[in-house]
Amino acid sequence: MRTIETGTDIAAPRWRVWQVLTDVDRYPAWNPFVTLVDGALREGGKLRVRVEPPGRRAVTFEPTVMALAQERELRWRGQLRVPGLLDGGHVFRLEERAGGCRFRQTVRFSGVLAPLLGAGLLEATRRGCEAMGAALEARAEG
């Protein structure tokens, strides 16, 4: 399993950050990493998601929403064609803190091909998560 974790402190109430995070129709206007989410955000819902890791080719995949906990967590999981070959999960969490909240992202790759993912792709994914966190901060605080 390969895991990437990032965090961003945001000086805005958790409800406001959640509002921006779950308004996926507006992602193209502000989100430099997850540039498209098509589908309904509901547990069990199928999505079409496009990610653009910095310096890498954009990838579109079709994950399933695994969790949607109001103002706390959004989690989706998808796979490359066959489950267990290359599976990926993305978790977005909001944690209450003094003066605002903390936005955490965890991306996990698992499956037979996960050990073959290069350091460059993992680093680009980390940078993409950091860019999304900074953009979410700017949008929620603005």
C-alpha atoms as a PDB file:
ATOM      1  CA  MET A   1       0.000   0.000   0.000  1.00  0.00           C
ATOM      2  CA  ARG A   2       1.205   3.513  -0.855  1.00  0.00           C
ATOM      3  CA  THR A   3      -0.186   6.400   1.232  1.00  0.00           C
ATOM      4  CA  ILE A   4      -0.030  10.177   0.884  1.00  0.00           C
ATOM      5  CA  GLU A   5      -1.270  12.469   3.657  1.00  0.00           C
ATOM      6  CA  THR A   6      -1.552  16.255   3.679  1.00  0.00           C
ATOM      7  CA  GLY A   7      -3.165  18.845   5.928  1.00  0.00           C
ATOM      8  CA  THR A   8      -4.131  22.505   5.676  1.00  0.00           C
ATOM      9  CA  ASP A   9      -5.308  24.810   8.456  1.00  0.00           C
ATOM     10  CA  ILE A  10      -8.190  26.998   7.306  1.00  0.00           C
ATOM     11  CA  ALA A  11      -9.398  30.099   9.156  1.00  0.00           C
ATOM     12  CA  ALA A  12     -13.051  29.531   8.305  1.00  0.00           C
ATOM     13  CA  PRO A  13     -15.824  27.633  10.078  1.00  0.00           C
ATOM     14  CA  ARG A  14     -16.085  23.964   9.297  1.00  0.00           C
ATOM     15  CA  TRP A  15     -19.576  24.380   7.804  1.00  0.00           C
ATOM     16  CA  ARG A  16     -18.211  26.907   5.278  1.00  0.00           C
ATOM     17  CA  VAL A  17     -15.279  24.686   4.256  1.00  0.00           C
ATOM     18  CA  TRP A  18     -17.668  21.735   3.884  1.00  0.00           C
ATOM     19  CA  GLN A  19     -19.947  23.857   1.707  1.00  0.00           C
ATOM     20  CA  VAL A  20     -17.074  24.679  -0.670  1.00  0.00           C
ATOM     21  CA  LEU A  21     -15.693  21.109  -0.603  1.00  0.00           C
ATOM     22  CA  THR A  22     -19.009  19.478  -1.491  1.00  0.00           C
ATOM     23  CA  ASP A  23     -20.035  22.010  -4.168  1.00  0.00           C
ATOM     24  CA  VAL A  24     -18.343  19.871  -6.809  1.00  0.00           C
ATOM     25  CA  ASP A  25     -20.007  21.718  -9.699  1.00  0.00           C
ATOM     26  CA  ARG A  26     -17.733  24.672  -8.918  1.00  0.00           C
ATOM     27  CA  TYR A  27     -14.473  22.662  -8.781  1.00  0.00           C
ATOM     28  CA  PRO A  28     -13.348  23.835 -12.247  1.00  0.00           C
ATOM     29  CA  ALA A  29     -13.379  27.445 -10.973  1.00  0.00           C
ATOM     30  CA  TRP A  30     -10.965  26.914  -8.091  1.00  0.00           C
ATOM     31  CA  ASN A  31      -9.612  23.370  -7.716  1.00  0.00           C
ATOM     32  CA  PRO A  32      -6.265  22.834  -9.500  1.00  0.00           C
ATOM     33  CA  PHE A  33      -6.070  19.105  -8.677  1.00  0.00           C
ATOM     34  CA  VAL A  34      -9.562  17.550  -8.748  1.00  0.00           C
ATOM     35  CA  THR A  35     -10.843  19.454 -11.761  1.00  0.00           C
ATOM     36  CA  LEU A  36     -14.070  17.540 -12.402  1.00  0.00           C
ATOM     37  CA  VAL A  37     -16.534  15.601 -10.290  1.00  0.00           C
ATOM     38  CA  ASP A  38     -19.628  14.460 -12.114  1.00  0.00           C
ATOM     39  CA  GLY A  39     -22.362  12.646 -10.215  1.00  0.00           C
ATOM     40  CA  ALA A  40     -24.272  12.931  -6.969  1.00  0.00           C
ATOM     41  CA  LEU A  41     -22.385  13.005  -3.695  1.00  0.00           C
ATOM     42  CA  ARG A  42     -24.203  10.333  -1.735  1.00  0.00           C
ATOM     43  CA  GLU A  43     -23.040   7.108  -0.145  1.00  0.00           C
ATOM     44  CA  GLY A  44     -22.947   4.389  -2.773  1.00  0.00           C
ATOM     45  CA  GLY A  45     -23.094   6.940  -5.583  1.00  0.00           C
ATOM     46  CA  LYS A  46     -20.934   6.526  -8.677  1.00  0.00           C
ATOM     47  CA  LEU A  47     -18.847   9.494  -9.765  1.00  0.00           C
ATOM     48  CA  ARG A  48     -16.698  10.462 -12.693  1.00  0.00           C
ATOM     49  CA  VAL A  49     -13.599  12.250 -11.370  1.00  0.00           C
ATOM     50  CA  ARG A  50     -10.733  13.936 -13.200  1.00  0.00           C
ATOM     51  CA  VAL A  51      -7.465  14.622 -11.370  1.00  0.00           C
ATOM     52  CA  GLU A  52      -4.572  16.636 -12.757  1.00  0.00           C
ATOM     53  CA  PRO A  53      -1.377  15.954 -10.794  1.00  0.00           C
ATOM     54  CA  PRO A  54       1.143  18.774 -11.405  1.00  0.00           C
ATOM     55  CA  GLY A  55       3.466  17.912 -14.269  1.00  0.00           C
ATOM     56  CA  ARG A  56       1.583  14.693 -15.088  1.00  0.00           C
ATOM     57  CA  ARG A  57      -1.103  13.588 -17.478  1.00  0.00           C
ATOM     58  CA  ALA A  58      -4.687  14.059 -16.265  1.00  0.00           C
ATOM     59  CA  VAL A  59      -6.534  10.895 -15.250  1.00  0.00           C
ATOM     60  CA  THR A  60     -10.290  10.279 -15.250  1.00  0.00           C
ATOM     61  CA  PHE A  61     -11.728   7.438 -13.180  1.00  0.00           C
ATOM     62  CA  GLU A  62     -15.085   6.325 -11.778  1.00  0.00           C
ATOM     63  CA  PRO A  63     -15.024   5.862  -8.017  1.00  0.00           C
ATOM     64  CA  THR A  64     -17.842   5.049  -5.634  1.00  0.00           C
ATOM     65  CA  VAL A  65     -18.655   7.327  -2.686  1.00  0.00           C
ATOM     66  CA  MET A  66     -17.880   5.231   0.394  1.00  0.00           C
ATOM     67  CA  ALA A  67     -18.714   7.806   3.096  1.00  0.00           C
ATOM     68  CA  LEU A  68     -20.350  11.201   3.320  1.00  0.00           C
ATOM     69  CA  ALA A  69     -20.537  12.465   6.900  1.00  0.00           C
ATOM     70  CA  GLN A  70     -21.864  16.042   7.132  1.00  0.00           C
ATOM     71  CA  GLU A  71     -19.076  18.550   7.833  1.00  0.00           C
ATOM     72  CA  ARG A  72     -16.655  15.717   8.703  1.00  0.00           C
ATOM     73  CA  GLU A  73     -15.727  13.325   5.903  1.00  0.00           C
ATOM     74  CA  LEU A  74     -16.048  12.581   2.202  1.00  0.00           C
ATOM     75  CA  ARG A  75     -14.470   9.359   0.975  1.00  0.00           C
ATOM     76  CA  TRP A  76     -14.415   7.679  -2.414  1.00  0.00           C
ATOM     77  CA  ARG A  77     -12.747   4.579  -3.806  1.00  0.00           C
ATOM     78  CA  GLY A  78     -12.126   3.341  -7.311  1.00  0.00           C
ATOM     79  CA  GLN A  79     -10.080   0.799  -9.205  1.00  0.00           C
ATOM     80  CA  LEU A  80      -8.252   0.282 -12.457  1.00  0.00           C
ATOM     81  CA  ARG A  81     -10.552  -2.003 -14.466  1.00  0.00           C
ATOM     82  CA  VAL A  82     -10.281  -5.083 -12.190  1.00  0.00           C
ATOM     83  CA  PRO A  83     -10.575  -4.766  -8.375  1.00  0.00           C
ATOM     84  CA  GLY A  84      -7.276  -5.599  -6.705  1.00  0.00           C
ATOM     85  CA  LEU A  85      -5.131  -4.641  -9.676  1.00  0.00           C
ATOM     86  CA  LEU A  86      -4.716  -0.967  -8.709  1.00  0.00           C
ATOM     87  CA  ASP A  87      -7.231   0.462  -6.276  1.00  0.00           C
ATOM     88  CA  GLY A  88      -7.250   4.036  -5.080  1.00  0.00           C
ATOM     89  CA  GLY A  89      -9.037   5.794  -2.282  1.00  0.00           C
ATOM     90  CA  HIS A  90      -9.245   9.495  -1.462  1.00  0.00           C
ATOM     91  CA  VAL A  91     -10.412  10.710   1.941  1.00  0.00           C
ATOM     92  CA  PHE A  92     -11.220  14.342   2.721  1.00  0.00           C
ATOM     93  CA  ARG A  93     -11.638  15.105   6.448  1.00  0.00           C
ATOM     94  CA  LEU A  94     -12.504  18.274   8.329  1.00  0.00           C
ATOM     95  CA  GLU A  95     -11.471  18.607  11.965  1.00  0.00           C
ATOM     96  CA  GLU A  96     -12.640  21.373  14.269  1.00  0.00           C
ATOM     97  CA  ARG A  97      -9.887  23.591  15.661  1.00  0.00           C
ATOM     98  CA  ALA A  98      -9.651  26.999  17.321  1.00  0.00           C
ATOM     99  CA  GLY A  99     -10.277  29.719  14.756  1.00  0.00           C
ATOM    100  CA  GLY A 100     -11.434  27.373  12.002  1.00  0.00           C
ATOM    101  CA  CYS A 101     -10.724  23.832  10.934  1.00  0.00           C
ATOM    102  CA  ARG A 102      -8.065  21.518   9.582  1.00  0.00           C
ATOM    103  CA  PHE A 103      -8.549  19.980   6.144  1.00  0.00           C
ATOM    104  CA  ARG A 104      -6.851  16.595   5.818  1.00  0.00           C
ATOM    105  CA  GLN A 105      -6.467  14.489   2.712  1.00  0.00           C
ATOM    106  CA  THR A 106      -5.351  10.884   2.541  1.00  0.00           C
ATOM    107  CA  VAL A 107      -4.764   9.109  -0.759  1.00  0.00           C
ATOM    108  CA  ARG A 108      -4.107   5.354  -0.663  1.00  0.00           C
ATOM    109  CA  PHE A 109      -3.089   3.144  -3.540  1.00  0.00           C
ATOM    110  CA  SER A 110      -3.332  -0.605  -3.056  1.00  0.00           C
ATOM    111  CA  GLY A 111      -3.402  -3.725  -5.192  1.00  0.00           C
ATOM    112  CA  VAL A 112      -0.924  -5.765  -7.201  1.00  0.00           C
ATOM    113  CA  LEU A 113       0.365  -2.748  -9.166  1.00  0.00           C
ATOM    114  CA  ALA A 114       0.646  -0.328  -6.205  1.00  0.00           C
ATOM    115  CA  PRO A 115       4.302  -1.180  -5.446  1.00  0.00           C
ATOM    116  CA  LEU A 116       5.149  -0.280  -9.049  1.00  0.00           C
ATOM    117  CA  LEU A 117       3.913   3.308  -8.769  1.00  0.00           C
ATOM    118  CA  GLY A 118       6.894   5.569  -9.245  1.00  0.00           C
ATOM    119  CA  ALA A 119       8.083   8.171  -6.782  1.00  0.00           C
ATOM    120  CA  GLY A 120       7.371  10.880  -9.369  1.00  0.00           C
ATOM    121  CA  LEU A 121       3.674  10.043  -9.535  1.00  0.00           C
ATOM    122  CA  LEU A 122       3.382   9.862  -5.755  1.00  0.00           C
ATOM    123  CA  GLU A 123       5.165  13.218  -5.376  1.00  0.00           C
ATOM    124  CA  ALA A 124       2.922  14.803  -8.038  1.00  0.00           C
ATOM    125  CA  THR A 125      -0.138  13.469  -6.191  1.00  0.00           C
ATOM    126  CA  ARG A 126       1.153  14.939  -2.925  1.00  0.00           C
ATOM    127  CA  ARG A 127       1.744  18.307  -4.602  1.00  0.00           C
ATOM    128  CA  GLY A 128      -1.745  18.137  -6.126  1.00  0.00           C
ATOM    129  CA  CYS A 129      -3.284  17.521  -2.702  1.00  0.00           C
ATOM    130  CA  GLU A 130      -1.317  20.442  -1.258  1.00  0.00           C
ATOM    131  CA  ALA A 131      -2.441  22.710  -4.110  1.00  0.00           C
ATOM    132  CA  MET A 132      -6.057  21.675  -3.537  1.00  0.00           C
ATOM    133  CA  GLY A 133      -5.711  22.392   0.187  1.00  0.00           C
ATOM    134  CA  ALA A 134      -4.299  25.864  -0.486  1.00  0.00           C
ATOM    135  CA  ALA A 135      -7.024  26.619  -3.032  1.00  0.00           C
ATOM    136  CA  LEU A 136      -9.748  25.400  -0.658  1.00  0.00           C
ATOM    137  CA  GLU A 137      -8.280  27.602   2.062  1.00  0.00           C
ATOM    138  CA  ALA A 138      -8.330  30.653  -0.224  1.00  0.00           C
ATOM    139  CA  ARG A 139     -11.876  29.948  -1.398  1.00  0.00           C
ATOM    140  CA  ALA A 140     -13.332  29.279   2.071  1.00  0.00           C
ATOM    141  CA  GLU A 141     -11.591  32.252   3.663  1.00  0.00           C
ATOM    142  CA  GLY A 142     -12.366  34.637   0.773  1.00  0.00           C
END
